[in-house]
């Protein structure tokens, strides 16, 4: 049985790990609610990474590995932001899983 997230008068279905089952349910308000469940308050730097990952997924249909994401961050956001430590400072724990969850994307299969 799936979990749910009640928001905007709707019950959004989540998988057992808390990821959206319907990617089309995602929007900024949903992202804020998912981030809140993760104990995060989203700021501009978070949104840069969320949007970067969503754009990558939209163009490729894939979720990159963390290493590929960090390289993409360096290319698109600048060398100063293209570091694992920067990623982990914004999304502690397992950054790629957390960003995917908040971005309304599928759970990465290439993460432990």
C-alpha atoms as a PDB file:
ATOM      1  CA  UNK A   1       0.000   0.000   0.000  1.00  0.00           C
ATOM      2  CA  UNK A   2       1.360   3.376  -0.957  1.00  0.00           C
ATOM      3  CA  UNK A   3       1.797   6.288   1.420  1.00  0.00           C
ATOM      4  CA  UNK A   4       0.156   9.588   0.644  1.00  0.00           C
ATOM      5  CA  UNK A   5       0.943  13.271   0.902  1.00  0.00           C
ATOM      6  CA  UNK A   6      -2.050  15.498   1.442  1.00  0.00           C
ATOM      7  CA  UNK A   7      -1.525  18.825  -0.240  1.00  0.00           C
ATOM      8  CA  UNK A   8      -3.714  21.354  -2.036  1.00  0.00           C
ATOM      9  CA  UNK A   9      -6.799  19.310  -1.128  1.00  0.00           C
ATOM     10  CA  UNK A  10      -5.467  16.230  -2.902  1.00  0.00           C
ATOM     11  CA  UNK A  11      -3.964  12.971  -1.747  1.00  0.00           C
ATOM     12  CA  UNK A  12      -0.774  12.387  -3.732  1.00  0.00           C
ATOM     13  CA  UNK A  13       0.429   8.794  -3.813  1.00  0.00           C
ATOM     14  CA  UNK A  14       3.949   8.029  -2.634  1.00  0.00           C
ATOM     15  CA  UNK A  15       5.883   4.772  -2.815  1.00  0.00           C
ATOM     16  CA  UNK A  16       7.148   3.065   0.330  1.00  0.00           C
ATOM     17  CA  UNK A  17      10.276   5.273   0.242  1.00  0.00           C
ATOM     18  CA  UNK A  18       8.324   8.545  -0.042  1.00  0.00           C
ATOM     19  CA  UNK A  19       8.822   9.189  -3.779  1.00  0.00           C
ATOM     20  CA  UNK A  20       5.920  10.445  -5.892  1.00  0.00           C
ATOM     21  CA  UNK A  21       4.263   7.660  -7.871  1.00  0.00           C
ATOM     22  CA  UNK A  22       2.868  10.101 -10.436  1.00  0.00           C
ATOM     23  CA  UNK A  23       5.625  12.423 -11.645  1.00  0.00           C
ATOM     24  CA  UNK A  24       2.993  14.764 -13.082  1.00  0.00           C
ATOM     25  CA  UNK A  25       1.790  15.515  -9.526  1.00  0.00           C
ATOM     26  CA  UNK A  26       5.002  17.472  -8.913  1.00  0.00           C
ATOM     27  CA  UNK A  27       5.153  21.248  -8.641  1.00  0.00           C
ATOM     28  CA  UNK A  28       6.944  23.757  -6.411  1.00  0.00           C
ATOM     29  CA  UNK A  29       4.400  23.435  -3.581  1.00  0.00           C
ATOM     30  CA  UNK A  30       4.747  19.637  -3.618  1.00  0.00           C
ATOM     31  CA  UNK A  31       8.548  20.006  -3.603  1.00  0.00           C
ATOM     32  CA  UNK A  32       8.354  22.261  -0.537  1.00  0.00           C
ATOM     33  CA  UNK A  33       6.155  19.700   1.262  1.00  0.00           C
ATOM     34  CA  UNK A  34       8.490  16.820   0.348  1.00  0.00           C
ATOM     35  CA  UNK A  35      11.501  18.869   1.478  1.00  0.00           C
ATOM     36  CA  UNK A  36       9.768  19.630   4.755  1.00  0.00           C
ATOM     37  CA  UNK A  37       9.332  15.885   5.324  1.00  0.00           C
ATOM     38  CA  UNK A  38      13.106  15.580   4.832  1.00  0.00           C
ATOM     39  CA  UNK A  39      13.755  18.399   7.303  1.00  0.00           C
ATOM     40  CA  UNK A  40      14.912  20.818   4.609  1.00  0.00           C
ATOM     41  CA  UNK A  41      13.920  24.409   3.956  1.00  0.00           C
ATOM     42  CA  UNK A  42      14.522  25.065   0.260  1.00  0.00           C
ATOM     43  CA  UNK A  43      16.506  28.118  -0.811  1.00  0.00           C
ATOM     44  CA  UNK A  44      17.834  29.352  -4.162  1.00  0.00           C
ATOM     45  CA  UNK A  45      20.852  27.008  -4.076  1.00  0.00           C
ATOM     46  CA  UNK A  46      18.580  23.988  -3.500  1.00  0.00           C
ATOM     47  CA  UNK A  47      16.337  25.022  -6.392  1.00  0.00           C
ATOM     48  CA  UNK A  48      19.337  25.327  -8.731  1.00  0.00           C
ATOM     49  CA  UNK A  49      20.128  21.661  -8.145  1.00  0.00           C
ATOM     50  CA  UNK A  50      16.509  20.511  -8.210  1.00  0.00           C
ATOM     51  CA  UNK A  51      15.923  22.259 -11.536  1.00  0.00           C
ATOM     52  CA  UNK A  52      19.228  21.015 -12.943  1.00  0.00           C
ATOM     53  CA  UNK A  53      18.323  17.431 -12.118  1.00  0.00           C
ATOM     54  CA  UNK A  54      14.752  17.781 -13.413  1.00  0.00           C
ATOM     55  CA  UNK A  55      16.039  19.247 -16.700  1.00  0.00           C
ATOM     56  CA  UNK A  56      18.576  16.427 -17.053  1.00  0.00           C
ATOM     57  CA  UNK A  57      15.850  13.841 -16.452  1.00  0.00           C
ATOM     58  CA  UNK A  58      13.445  15.554 -18.841  1.00  0.00           C
ATOM     59  CA  UNK A  59      16.048  15.587 -21.626  1.00  0.00           C
ATOM     60  CA  UNK A  60      17.503  12.109 -21.078  1.00  0.00           C
ATOM     61  CA  UNK A  61      14.889  10.133 -19.171  1.00  0.00           C
ATOM     62  CA  UNK A  62      17.696   9.116 -16.808  1.00  0.00           C
ATOM     63  CA  UNK A  63      18.829   9.786 -13.274  1.00  0.00           C
ATOM     64  CA  UNK A  64      22.585  10.443 -13.318  1.00  0.00           C
ATOM     65  CA  UNK A  65      25.002   8.927 -10.845  1.00  0.00           C
ATOM     66  CA  UNK A  66      26.251  11.292  -8.170  1.00  0.00           C
ATOM     67  CA  UNK A  67      29.579  11.602  -9.978  1.00  0.00           C
ATOM     68  CA  UNK A  68      27.841  12.608 -13.226  1.00  0.00           C
ATOM     69  CA  UNK A  69      25.614  15.034 -11.334  1.00  0.00           C
ATOM     70  CA  UNK A  70      28.640  16.729  -9.751  1.00  0.00           C
ATOM     71  CA  UNK A  71      30.257  17.097 -13.201  1.00  0.00           C
ATOM     72  CA  UNK A  72      27.002  18.520 -14.544  1.00  0.00           C
ATOM     73  CA  UNK A  73      26.878  20.958 -11.615  1.00  0.00           C
ATOM     74  CA  UNK A  74      30.391  22.171 -12.443  1.00  0.00           C
ATOM     75  CA  UNK A  75      29.486  22.617 -16.101  1.00  0.00           C
ATOM     76  CA  UNK A  76      26.123  24.300 -15.595  1.00  0.00           C
ATOM     77  CA  UNK A  77      26.499  26.117 -12.252  1.00  0.00           C
ATOM     78  CA  UNK A  78      30.233  26.811 -12.104  1.00  0.00           C
ATOM     79  CA  UNK A  79      33.328  25.044 -10.823  1.00  0.00           C
ATOM     80  CA  UNK A  80      32.789  26.358  -7.289  1.00  0.00           C
ATOM     81  CA  UNK A  81      29.483  24.458  -7.106  1.00  0.00           C
ATOM     82  CA  UNK A  82      30.749  21.363  -8.912  1.00  0.00           C
ATOM     83  CA  UNK A  83      31.933  19.564  -5.803  1.00  0.00           C
ATOM     84  CA  UNK A  84      30.518  16.679  -3.781  1.00  0.00           C
ATOM     85  CA  UNK A  85      31.002  18.656  -0.581  1.00  0.00           C
ATOM     86  CA  UNK A  86      28.759  21.430  -1.955  1.00  0.00           C
ATOM     87  CA  UNK A  87      26.095  18.872  -2.859  1.00  0.00           C
ATOM     88  CA  UNK A  88      26.255  17.279   0.594  1.00  0.00           C
ATOM     89  CA  UNK A  89      26.106  20.649   2.339  1.00  0.00           C
ATOM     90  CA  UNK A  90      22.706  21.289   0.756  1.00  0.00           C
ATOM     91  CA  UNK A  91      21.337  17.748   0.821  1.00  0.00           C
ATOM     92  CA  UNK A  92      22.902  15.835   3.734  1.00  0.00           C
ATOM     93  CA  UNK A  93      22.889  12.057   3.905  1.00  0.00           C
ATOM     94  CA  UNK A  94      22.374  10.581   0.457  1.00  0.00           C
ATOM     95  CA  UNK A  95      22.105  13.728  -1.696  1.00  0.00           C
ATOM     96  CA  UNK A  96      21.019  12.153  -4.973  1.00  0.00           C
ATOM     97  CA  UNK A  97      18.161  10.230  -3.355  1.00  0.00           C
ATOM     98  CA  UNK A  98      17.016  13.316  -1.473  1.00  0.00           C
ATOM     99  CA  UNK A  99      17.127  15.596  -4.519  1.00  0.00           C
ATOM    100  CA  UNK A 100      15.248  13.045  -6.618  1.00  0.00           C
ATOM    101  CA  UNK A 101      12.564  12.711  -3.959  1.00  0.00           C
ATOM    102  CA  UNK A 102      12.082  16.471  -3.630  1.00  0.00           C
ATOM    103  CA  UNK A 103      12.265  16.949  -7.424  1.00  0.00           C
ATOM    104  CA  UNK A 104       9.446  14.443  -7.933  1.00  0.00           C
ATOM    105  CA  UNK A 105      11.710  12.055  -9.840  1.00  0.00           C
ATOM    106  CA  UNK A 106      12.027   8.285  -9.523  1.00  0.00           C
ATOM    107  CA  UNK A 107      14.207   6.795  -6.811  1.00  0.00           C
ATOM    108  CA  UNK A 108      17.733   6.358  -8.198  1.00  0.00           C
ATOM    109  CA  UNK A 109      18.709   2.746  -8.702  1.00  0.00           C
ATOM    110  CA  UNK A 110      22.409   3.552  -8.824  1.00  0.00           C
ATOM    111  CA  UNK A 111      22.600   4.603  -5.128  1.00  0.00           C
ATOM    112  CA  UNK A 112      23.014   2.464  -2.053  1.00  0.00           C
END
